[in-house]
Amino acid sequence: MKKFIQENWFKIGLLAILVVSVASAFYLFEYRPTKIKERCFADAHLAKNTIINAYYNDCLMRFGLK
C-alpha cells in the first residue's frame, strides 16, 4: 500500500482536490440555498406578518440569495 501511494501521489492528490471541489460546489449551490429558503419561509409564517412575501424576500436578501 505504501508503494502504491508513493508511485501515485499526484493522482491521489488530484482526486482529493476534485472530490473536495465537487462537494464544495454542491454545498454552495444546492444544499445551503435550499436550507436558507426553508428557514426564511418558516420565519415568514411564524412572524404572522401581513406581508409574508416582503418578509420572505427581505430574509433572502439578508442571507445573500437575492
PDB file of N, CA and C in Angstrom:
ATOM      1  N   MET A   1       0.826  -1.191   0.000  1.00  0.00           N
ATOM      2  CA  MET A   1       0.000   0.000   0.000  1.00  0.00           C
ATOM      3  C   MET A   1       0.870   1.254   0.000  1.00  0.00           C
ATOM      4  N   LYS A   2       1.950   1.215   0.775  1.00  0.00           N
ATOM      5  CA  LYS A   2       2.840   2.366   0.852  1.00  0.00           C
ATOM      6  C   LYS A   2       3.486   2.645  -0.499  1.00  0.00           C
ATOM      7  N   LYS A   3       3.840   1.577  -1.203  1.00  0.00           N
ATOM      8  CA  LYS A   3       4.459   1.731  -2.519  1.00  0.00           C
ATOM      9  C   LYS A   3       3.448   2.320  -3.521  1.00  0.00           C
ATOM     10  N   PHE A   4       2.198   1.887  -3.421  1.00  0.00           N
ATOM     11  CA  PHE A   4       1.151   2.408  -4.303  1.00  0.00           C
ATOM     12  C   PHE A   4       1.000   3.914  -4.122  1.00  0.00           C
ATOM     13  N   ILE A   5       0.987   4.365  -2.870  1.00  0.00           N
ATOM     14  CA  ILE A   5       0.843   5.791  -2.585  1.00  0.00           C
ATOM     15  C   ILE A   5       2.062   6.566  -3.074  1.00  0.00           C
ATOM     16  N   GLN A   6       3.252   6.007  -2.883  1.00  0.00           N
ATOM     17  CA  GLN A   6       4.467   6.674  -3.337  1.00  0.00           C
ATOM     18  C   GLN A   6       4.497   6.823  -4.855  1.00  0.00           C
ATOM     19  N   GLU A   7       3.987   5.857  -5.563  1.00  0.00           N
ATOM     20  CA  GLU A   7       4.008   5.890  -7.023  1.00  0.00           C
ATOM     21  C   GLU A   7       2.885   6.757  -7.600  1.00  0.00           C
ATOM     22  N   ASN A   8       1.786   6.894  -6.886  1.00  0.00           N
ATOM     23  CA  ASN A   8       0.614   7.589  -7.420  1.00  0.00           C
ATOM     24  C   ASN A   8       0.194   8.792  -6.591  1.00  0.00           C
ATOM     25  N   TRP A   9       1.107   9.432  -5.888  1.00  0.00           N
ATOM     26  CA  TRP A   9       0.758  10.534  -5.003  1.00  0.00           C
ATOM     27  C   TRP A   9       0.112  11.687  -5.756  1.00  0.00           C
ATOM     28  N   PHE A  10       0.546  11.950  -6.978  1.00  0.00           N
ATOM     29  CA  PHE A  10      -0.019  13.060  -7.750  1.00  0.00           C
ATOM     30  C   PHE A  10      -1.468  12.772  -8.122  1.00  0.00           C
ATOM     31  N   LYS A  11      -1.746  11.573  -8.569  1.00  0.00           N
ATOM     32  CA  LYS A  11      -3.110  11.197  -8.942  1.00  0.00           C
ATOM     33  C   LYS A  11      -4.039  11.205  -7.733  1.00  0.00           C
ATOM     34  N   ILE A  12      -3.550  10.718  -6.605  1.00  0.00           N
ATOM     35  CA  ILE A  12      -4.349  10.696  -5.384  1.00  0.00           C
ATOM     36  C   ILE A  12      -4.643  12.124  -4.922  1.00  0.00           C
ATOM     37  N   GLY A  13      -3.639  12.994  -4.985  1.00  0.00           N
ATOM     38  CA  GLY A  13      -3.829  14.390  -4.601  1.00  0.00           C
ATOM     39  C   GLY A  13      -4.819  15.094  -5.511  1.00  0.00           C
ATOM     40  N   LEU A  14      -4.701  14.840  -6.805  1.00  0.00           N
ATOM     41  CA  LEU A  14      -5.613  15.432  -7.775  1.00  0.00           C
ATOM     42  C   LEU A  14      -7.040  14.946  -7.553  1.00  0.00           C
ATOM     43  N   LEU A  15      -7.192  13.681  -7.261  1.00  0.00           N
ATOM     44  CA  LEU A  15      -8.512  13.118  -6.979  1.00  0.00           C
ATOM     45  C   LEU A  15      -9.100  13.738  -5.705  1.00  0.00           C
ATOM     46  N   ALA A  16      -8.277  13.928  -4.685  1.00  0.00           N
ATOM     47  CA  ALA A  16      -8.750  14.536  -3.440  1.00  0.00           C
ATOM     48  C   ALA A  16      -9.211  15.970  -3.684  1.00  0.00           C
ATOM     49  N   ILE A  17      -8.461  16.728  -4.462  1.00  0.00           N
ATOM     50  CA  ILE A  17      -8.851  18.104  -4.791  1.00  0.00           C
ATOM     51  C   ILE A  17     -10.159  18.120  -5.570  1.00  0.00           C
ATOM     52  N   LEU A  18     -10.323  17.204  -6.490  1.00  0.00           N
ATOM     53  CA  LEU A  18     -11.553  17.112  -7.281  1.00  0.00           C
ATOM     54  C   LEU A  18     -12.751  16.795  -6.392  1.00  0.00           C
ATOM     55  N   VAL A  19     -12.596  15.852  -5.477  1.00  0.00           N
ATOM     56  CA  VAL A  19     -13.693  15.472  -4.583  1.00  0.00           C
ATOM     57  C   VAL A  19     -14.083  16.646  -3.685  1.00  0.00           C
ATOM     58  N   VAL A  20     -13.096  17.343  -3.140  1.00  0.00           N
ATOM     59  CA  VAL A  20     -13.382  18.488  -2.281  1.00  0.00           C
ATOM     60  C   VAL A  20     -14.060  19.601  -3.081  1.00  0.00           C
ATOM     61  N   SER A  21     -13.630  19.819  -4.311  1.00  0.00           N
ATOM     62  CA  SER A  21     -14.229  20.857  -5.156  1.00  0.00           C
ATOM     63  C   SER A  21     -15.686  20.550  -5.483  1.00  0.00           C
ATOM     64  N   VAL A  22     -15.975  19.317  -5.822  1.00  0.00           N
ATOM     65  CA  VAL A  22     -17.351  18.924  -6.140  1.00  0.00           C
ATOM     66  C   VAL A  22     -18.238  19.022  -4.903  1.00  0.00           C
ATOM     67  N   ALA A  23     -17.732  18.586  -3.764  1.00  0.00           N
ATOM     68  CA  ALA A  23     -18.516  18.673  -2.529  1.00  0.00           C
ATOM     69  C   ALA A  23     -18.777  20.128  -2.152  1.00  0.00           C
ATOM     70  N   SER A  24     -17.782  20.980  -2.310  1.00  0.00           N
ATOM     71  CA  SER A  24     -17.955  22.403  -2.001  1.00  0.00           C
ATOM     72  C   SER A  24     -18.971  23.059  -2.928  1.00  0.00           C
ATOM     73  N   ALA A  25     -18.902  22.738  -4.207  1.00  0.00           N
ATOM     74  CA  ALA A  25     -19.849  23.303  -5.168  1.00  0.00           C
ATOM     75  C   ALA A  25     -21.270  22.851  -4.837  1.00  0.00           C
ATOM     76  N   PHE A  26     -21.443  21.591  -4.489  1.00  0.00           N
ATOM     77  CA  PHE A  26     -22.770  21.099  -4.119  1.00  0.00           C
ATOM     78  C   PHE A  26     -23.298  21.844  -2.897  1.00  0.00           C
ATOM     79  N   TYR A  27     -22.441  22.032  -1.899  1.00  0.00           N
ATOM     80  CA  TYR A  27     -22.864  22.723  -0.689  1.00  0.00           C
ATOM     81  C   TYR A  27     -23.250  24.168  -0.994  1.00  0.00           C
ATOM     82  N   LEU A  28     -22.422  24.865  -1.761  1.00  0.00           N
ATOM     83  CA  LEU A  28     -22.654  26.286  -2.015  1.00  0.00           C
ATOM     84  C   LEU A  28     -23.835  26.561  -2.943  1.00  0.00           C
ATOM     85  N   PHE A  29     -24.076  25.686  -3.903  1.00  0.00           N
ATOM     86  CA  PHE A  29     -25.095  25.974  -4.909  1.00  0.00           C
ATOM     87  C   PHE A  29     -26.384  25.177  -4.769  1.00  0.00           C
ATOM     88  N   GLU A  30     -26.393  24.139  -3.957  1.00  0.00           N
ATOM     89  CA  GLU A  30     -27.600  23.335  -3.798  1.00  0.00           C
ATOM     90  C   GLU A  30     -28.084  23.268  -2.349  1.00  0.00           C
ATOM     91  N   TYR A  31     -27.254  22.764  -1.466  1.00  0.00           N
ATOM     92  CA  TYR A  31     -27.680  22.493  -0.093  1.00  0.00           C
ATOM     93  C   TYR A  31     -27.929  23.787   0.693  1.00  0.00           C
ATOM     94  N   ARG A  32     -26.964  24.692   0.708  1.00  0.00           N
ATOM     95  CA  ARG A  32     -27.084  25.920   1.503  1.00  0.00           C
ATOM     96  C   ARG A  32     -28.267  26.788   1.079  1.00  0.00           C
ATOM     97  N   PRO A  33     -28.449  27.082  -0.225  1.00  0.00           N
ATOM     98  CA  PRO A  33     -29.606  27.898  -0.606  1.00  0.00           C
ATOM     99  C   PRO A  33     -30.946  27.251  -0.254  1.00  0.00           C
ATOM    100  N   THR A  34     -31.029  25.940  -0.366  1.00  0.00           N
ATOM    101  CA  THR A  34     -32.268  25.256  -0.021  1.00  0.00           C
ATOM    102  C   THR A  34     -32.586  25.420   1.460  1.00  0.00           C
ATOM    103  N   LYS A  35     -31.581  25.256   2.309  1.00  0.00           N
ATOM    104  CA  LYS A  35     -31.796  25.407   3.744  1.00  0.00           C
ATOM    105  C   LYS A  35     -32.146  26.848   4.105  1.00  0.00           C
ATOM    106  N   ILE A  36     -31.530  27.823   3.448  1.00  0.00           N
ATOM    107  CA  ILE A  36     -31.845  29.227   3.707  1.00  0.00           C
ATOM    108  C   ILE A  36     -33.285  29.528   3.308  1.00  0.00           C
ATOM    109  N   LYS A  37     -33.714  29.035   2.154  1.00  0.00           N
ATOM    110  CA  LYS A  37     -35.085  29.274   1.700  1.00  0.00           C
ATOM    111  C   LYS A  37     -36.097  28.635   2.647  1.00  0.00           C
ATOM    112  N   GLU A  38     -35.797  27.427   3.134  1.00  0.00           N
ATOM    113  CA  GLU A  38     -36.692  26.774   4.087  1.00  0.00           C
ATOM    114  C   GLU A  38     -36.794  27.588   5.376  1.00  0.00           C
ATOM    115  N   ARG A  39     -35.656  28.079   5.851  1.00  0.00           N
ATOM    116  CA  ARG A  39     -35.651  28.867   7.084  1.00  0.00           C
ATOM    117  C   ARG A  39     -36.429  30.170   6.905  1.00  0.00           C
ATOM    118  N   CYS A  40     -36.218  30.861   5.800  1.00  0.00           N
ATOM    119  CA  CYS A  40     -36.918  32.124   5.562  1.00  0.00           C
ATOM    120  C   CYS A  40     -38.421  31.901   5.422  1.00  0.00           C
ATOM    121  N   PHE A  41     -38.805  30.823   4.756  1.00  0.00           N
ATOM    122  CA  PHE A  41     -40.223  30.515   4.594  1.00  0.00           C
ATOM    123  C   PHE A  41     -40.863  30.254   5.950  1.00  0.00           C
ATOM    124  N   ALA A  42     -40.183  29.483   6.798  1.00  0.00           N
ATOM    125  CA  ALA A  42     -40.721  29.190   8.131  1.00  0.00           C
ATOM    126  C   ALA A  42     -40.776  30.460   8.975  1.00  0.00           C
ATOM    127  N   ASP A  43     -39.730  31.288   8.914  1.00  0.00           N
ATOM    128  CA  ASP A  43     -39.710  32.534   9.684  1.00  0.00           C
ATOM    129  C   ASP A  43     -40.827  33.478   9.240  1.00  0.00           C
ATOM    130  N   ALA A  44     -41.077  33.538   7.950  1.00  0.00           N
ATOM    131  CA  ALA A  44     -42.109  34.432   7.426  1.00  0.00           C
ATOM    132  C   ALA A  44     -43.488  34.022   7.943  1.00  0.00           C
ATOM    133  N   HIS A  45     -43.737  32.740   8.034  1.00  0.00           N
ATOM    134  CA  HIS A  45     -45.040  32.280   8.512  1.00  0.00           C
ATOM    135  C   HIS A  45     -45.155  32.348  10.027  1.00  0.00           C
ATOM    136  N   LEU A  46     -44.043  32.203  10.724  1.00  0.00           N
ATOM    137  CA  LEU A  46     -44.080  32.317  12.181  1.00  0.00           C
ATOM    138  C   LEU A  46     -44.268  33.757  12.636  1.00  0.00           C
ATOM    139  N   ALA A  47     -43.779  34.692  11.829  1.00  0.00           N
ATOM    140  CA  ALA A  47     -43.882  36.104  12.194  1.00  0.00           C
ATOM    141  C   ALA A  47     -45.318  36.600  12.099  1.00  0.00           C
ATOM    142  N   LYS A  48     -46.175  35.859  11.412  1.00  0.00           N
ATOM    143  CA  LYS A  48     -47.572  36.240  11.202  1.00  0.00           C
ATOM    144  C   LYS A  48     -47.660  37.656  10.643  1.00  0.00           C
ATOM    145  N   ASN A  49     -46.756  37.906   9.739  1.00  0.00           N
ATOM    146  CA  ASN A  49     -46.681  39.213   9.100  1.00  0.00           C
ATOM    147  C   ASN A  49     -47.756  39.279   8.015  1.00  0.00           C
ATOM    148  N   THR A  50     -48.388  40.417   7.877  1.00  0.00           N
ATOM    149  CA  THR A  50     -49.426  40.544   6.852  1.00  0.00           C
ATOM    150  C   THR A  50     -48.808  40.557   5.458  1.00  0.00           C
ATOM    151  N   ILE A  51     -47.559  40.951   5.381  1.00  0.00           N
ATOM    152  CA  ILE A  51     -46.873  40.974   4.079  1.00  0.00           C
ATOM    153  C   ILE A  51     -45.802  39.889   4.108  1.00  0.00           C
ATOM    154  N   ILE A  52     -46.227  38.642   4.006  1.00  0.00           N
ATOM    155  CA  ILE A  52     -45.317  37.495   4.106  1.00  0.00           C
ATOM    156  C   ILE A  52     -44.299  37.511   2.983  1.00  0.00           C
ATOM    157  N   ASN A  53     -44.718  37.858   1.791  1.00  0.00           N
ATOM    158  CA  ASN A  53     -43.811  37.851   0.650  1.00  0.00           C
ATOM    159  C   ASN A  53     -42.674  38.848   0.842  1.00  0.00           C
ATOM    160  N   ALA A  54     -42.968  40.015   1.350  1.00  0.00           N
ATOM    161  CA  ALA A  54     -41.931  41.023   1.578  1.00  0.00           C
ATOM    162  C   ALA A  54     -40.963  40.550   2.661  1.00  0.00           C
ATOM    163  N   TYR A  55     -41.479  39.949   3.717  1.00  0.00           N
ATOM    164  CA  TYR A  55     -40.633  39.433   4.793  1.00  0.00           C
ATOM    165  C   TYR A  55     -39.718  38.329   4.265  1.00  0.00           C
ATOM    166  N   TYR A  56     -40.270  37.447   3.448  1.00  0.00           N
ATOM    167  CA  TYR A  56     -39.501  36.350   2.847  1.00  0.00           C
ATOM    168  C   TYR A  56     -38.379  36.906   1.975  1.00  0.00           C
ATOM    169  N   ASN A  57     -38.692  37.875   1.134  1.00  0.00           N
ATOM    170  CA  ASN A  57     -37.678  38.467   0.263  1.00  0.00           C
ATOM    171  C   ASN A  57     -36.599  39.187   1.060  1.00  0.00           C
ATOM    172  N   ASP A  58     -36.987  39.878   2.125  1.00  0.00           N
ATOM    173  CA  ASP A  58     -36.003  40.538   2.982  1.00  0.00           C
ATOM    174  C   ASP A  58     -35.065  39.514   3.635  1.00  0.00           C
ATOM    175  N   CYS A  59     -35.636  38.409   4.051  1.00  0.00           N
ATOM    176  CA  CYS A  59     -34.836  37.345   4.658  1.00  0.00           C
ATOM    177  C   CYS A  59     -33.824  36.787   3.648  1.00  0.00           C
ATOM    178  N   LEU A  60     -34.272  36.555   2.423  1.00  0.00           N
ATOM    179  CA  LEU A  60     -33.357  36.061   1.391  1.00  0.00           C
ATOM    180  C   LEU A  60     -32.239  37.057   1.119  1.00  0.00           C
ATOM    181  N   MET A  61     -32.559  38.346   1.160  1.00  0.00           N
ATOM    182  CA  MET A  61     -31.540  39.364   0.947  1.00  0.00           C
ATOM    183  C   MET A  61     -30.512  39.371   2.074  1.00  0.00           C
ATOM    184  N   ARG A  62     -30.976  39.173   3.299  1.00  0.00           N
ATOM    185  CA  ARG A  62     -30.055  39.133   4.442  1.00  0.00           C
ATOM    186  C   ARG A  62     -29.031  38.019   4.313  1.00  0.00           C
ATOM    187  N   PHE A  63     -29.445  36.886   3.740  1.00  0.00           N
ATOM    188  CA  PHE A  63     -28.543  35.750   3.582  1.00  0.00           C
ATOM    189  C   PHE A  63     -27.832  35.754   2.228  1.00  0.00           C
ATOM    190  N   GLY A  64     -28.065  36.764   1.411  1.00  0.00           N
ATOM    191  CA  GLY A  64     -27.334  36.912   0.159  1.00  0.00           C
ATOM    192  C   GLY A  64     -27.841  36.098  -1.004  1.00  0.00           C
ATOM    193  N   LEU A  65     -29.104  35.732  -1.001  1.00  0.00           N
ATOM    194  CA  LEU A  65     -29.654  34.966  -2.115  1.00  0.00           C
ATOM    195  C   LEU A  65     -30.404  35.819  -3.124  1.00  0.00           C
ATOM    196  N   LYS A  66     -30.577  37.084  -2.837  1.00  0.00           N
ATOM    197  CA  LYS A  66     -31.234  37.979  -3.783  1.00  0.00           C
ATOM    198  C   LYS A  66     -30.421  39.209  -3.958  1.00  0.00           C
TER     199      LYS A  66
END
